[in-house]
Each structure stands twice: as C-alpha cells, then as structure tokens.
Amino acid sequence: MPVPKRKTGKAVRDSRRAHDALDAPAQSVCPQCHQPKLPHHVCSSCGYYKGKEVVETD
C-alpha cells in the first residue's frame, strides 16, 4: 500500500484547498416588489415570475 515519503507542507495543502471556498448564491431584485430573489425563480414574497403572477400569495 502506498504511503507518503514526506509530510505535506502547509503551503501545499492550503494551495490545493484554495478553490474549495463556497460562494454566496447570486441574488437579483424582483421588478414587482423590489425584494431580493434568486434568479430564474418565482419571487417568494409576491409570487411573480417574468411579469406574470404564477403563485398566489397572501
């Protein structure tokens, strides 16, 4: 079974993990109620999508 010959240094380990960070999901503004919403999703506060009411909200 293969075993590493030398200890992996902190610089090498951290360089490898440089691309593992998570980004916050993108947000756009609803043109109807001006609340933040996810792009290409129905607005959760007013129920509109592409200028039409898709989901009835209270």
C-alpha atoms as a PDB file:
ATOM      1  CA  MET A   1       0.000   0.000   0.000  1.00  0.00           C
ATOM      2  CA  PRO A   2       1.476   3.401  -0.962  1.00  0.00           C
ATOM      3  CA  VAL A   3       2.499   5.689   1.872  1.00  0.00           C
ATOM      4  CA  PRO A   4       3.735   9.296   1.511  1.00  0.00           C
ATOM      5  CA  LYS A   5       7.511   9.626   1.872  1.00  0.00           C
ATOM      6  CA  ARG A   6       7.347  13.139   3.297  1.00  0.00           C
ATOM      7  CA  LYS A   7       4.836  15.249   5.205  1.00  0.00           C
ATOM      8  CA  THR A   8       2.743  17.542   3.001  1.00  0.00           C
ATOM      9  CA  GLY A   9       3.570  21.123   3.961  1.00  0.00           C
ATOM     10  CA  LYS A  10       1.010  23.728   4.967  1.00  0.00           C
ATOM     11  CA  ALA A  11       1.650  25.814   1.855  1.00  0.00           C
ATOM     12  CA  VAL A  12       0.989  22.888  -0.486  1.00  0.00           C
ATOM     13  CA  ARG A  13      -2.079  21.797   1.471  1.00  0.00           C
ATOM     14  CA  ASP A  14      -3.553  25.319   1.564  1.00  0.00           C
ATOM     15  CA  SER A  15      -2.791  25.944  -2.119  1.00  0.00           C
ATOM     16  CA  ARG A  16      -4.716  22.824  -3.010  1.00  0.00           C
ATOM     17  CA  ARG A  17      -7.682  23.983  -0.921  1.00  0.00           C
ATOM     18  CA  ALA A  18      -7.689  27.496  -2.423  1.00  0.00           C
ATOM     19  CA  HIS A  19     -10.555  26.619  -4.787  1.00  0.00           C
ATOM     20  CA  ASP A  20     -12.778  24.907  -2.198  1.00  0.00           C
ATOM     21  CA  ALA A  21     -14.407  28.066  -0.796  1.00  0.00           C
ATOM     22  CA  LEU A  22     -18.188  28.392  -1.266  1.00  0.00           C
ATOM     23  CA  ASP A  23     -19.670  31.469  -2.911  1.00  0.00           C
ATOM     24  CA  ALA A  24     -22.879  33.089  -1.779  1.00  0.00           C
ATOM     25  CA  PRO A  25     -25.784  32.383  -4.157  1.00  0.00           C
ATOM     26  CA  ALA A  26     -26.476  35.138  -6.664  1.00  0.00           C
ATOM     27  CA  GLN A  27     -29.433  37.403  -5.950  1.00  0.00           C
ATOM     28  CA  SER A  28     -31.427  39.703  -8.176  1.00  0.00           C
ATOM     29  CA  VAL A  29     -34.172  42.204  -7.390  1.00  0.00           C
ATOM     30  CA  CYS A  30     -37.802  41.428  -8.135  1.00  0.00           C
ATOM     31  CA  PRO A  31     -39.164  44.068 -10.554  1.00  0.00           C
ATOM     32  CA  GLN A  32     -42.638  43.872  -8.965  1.00  0.00           C
ATOM     33  CA  CYS A  33     -41.975  44.180  -5.223  1.00  0.00           C
ATOM     34  CA  HIS A  34     -38.235  45.074  -5.242  1.00  0.00           C
ATOM     35  CA  GLN A  35     -37.349  42.282  -2.805  1.00  0.00           C
ATOM     36  CA  PRO A  36     -34.227  40.128  -3.302  1.00  0.00           C
ATOM     37  CA  LYS A  37     -34.878  36.815  -5.060  1.00  0.00           C
ATOM     38  CA  LEU A  38     -32.926  34.038  -6.736  1.00  0.00           C
ATOM     39  CA  PRO A  39     -32.508  34.467 -10.497  1.00  0.00           C
ATOM     40  CA  HIS A  40     -34.821  32.298 -12.664  1.00  0.00           C
ATOM     41  CA  HIS A  41     -37.072  31.564  -9.665  1.00  0.00           C
ATOM     42  CA  VAL A  42     -40.547  32.742  -8.667  1.00  0.00           C
ATOM     43  CA  CYS A  43     -40.415  35.614  -6.181  1.00  0.00           C
ATOM     44  CA  SER A  44     -41.287  34.223  -2.772  1.00  0.00           C
ATOM     45  CA  SER A  45     -42.818  37.464  -1.494  1.00  0.00           C
ATOM     46  CA  CYS A  46     -45.147  38.433  -4.371  1.00  0.00           C
ATOM     47  CA  GLY A  47     -45.379  35.227  -6.476  1.00  0.00           C
ATOM     48  CA  TYR A  48     -44.484  36.858  -9.802  1.00  0.00           C
ATOM     49  CA  TYR A  49     -42.206  35.432 -12.497  1.00  0.00           C
ATOM     50  CA  LYS A  50     -41.391  37.286 -15.733  1.00  0.00           C
ATOM     51  CA  GLY A  51     -44.115  39.867 -15.066  1.00  0.00           C
ATOM     52  CA  LYS A  52     -46.908  37.329 -14.530  1.00  0.00           C
ATOM     53  CA  GLU A  53     -48.419  36.113 -11.280  1.00  0.00           C
ATOM     54  CA  VAL A  54     -47.593  32.422 -11.090  1.00  0.00           C
ATOM     55  CA  VAL A  55     -48.176  31.644  -7.419  1.00  0.00           C
ATOM     56  CA  GLU A  56     -50.928  33.208  -5.375  1.00  0.00           C
ATOM     57  CA  THR A  57     -49.613  34.668  -2.112  1.00  0.00           C
ATOM     58  CA  ASP A  58     -51.406  36.072   0.908  1.00  0.00           C
END
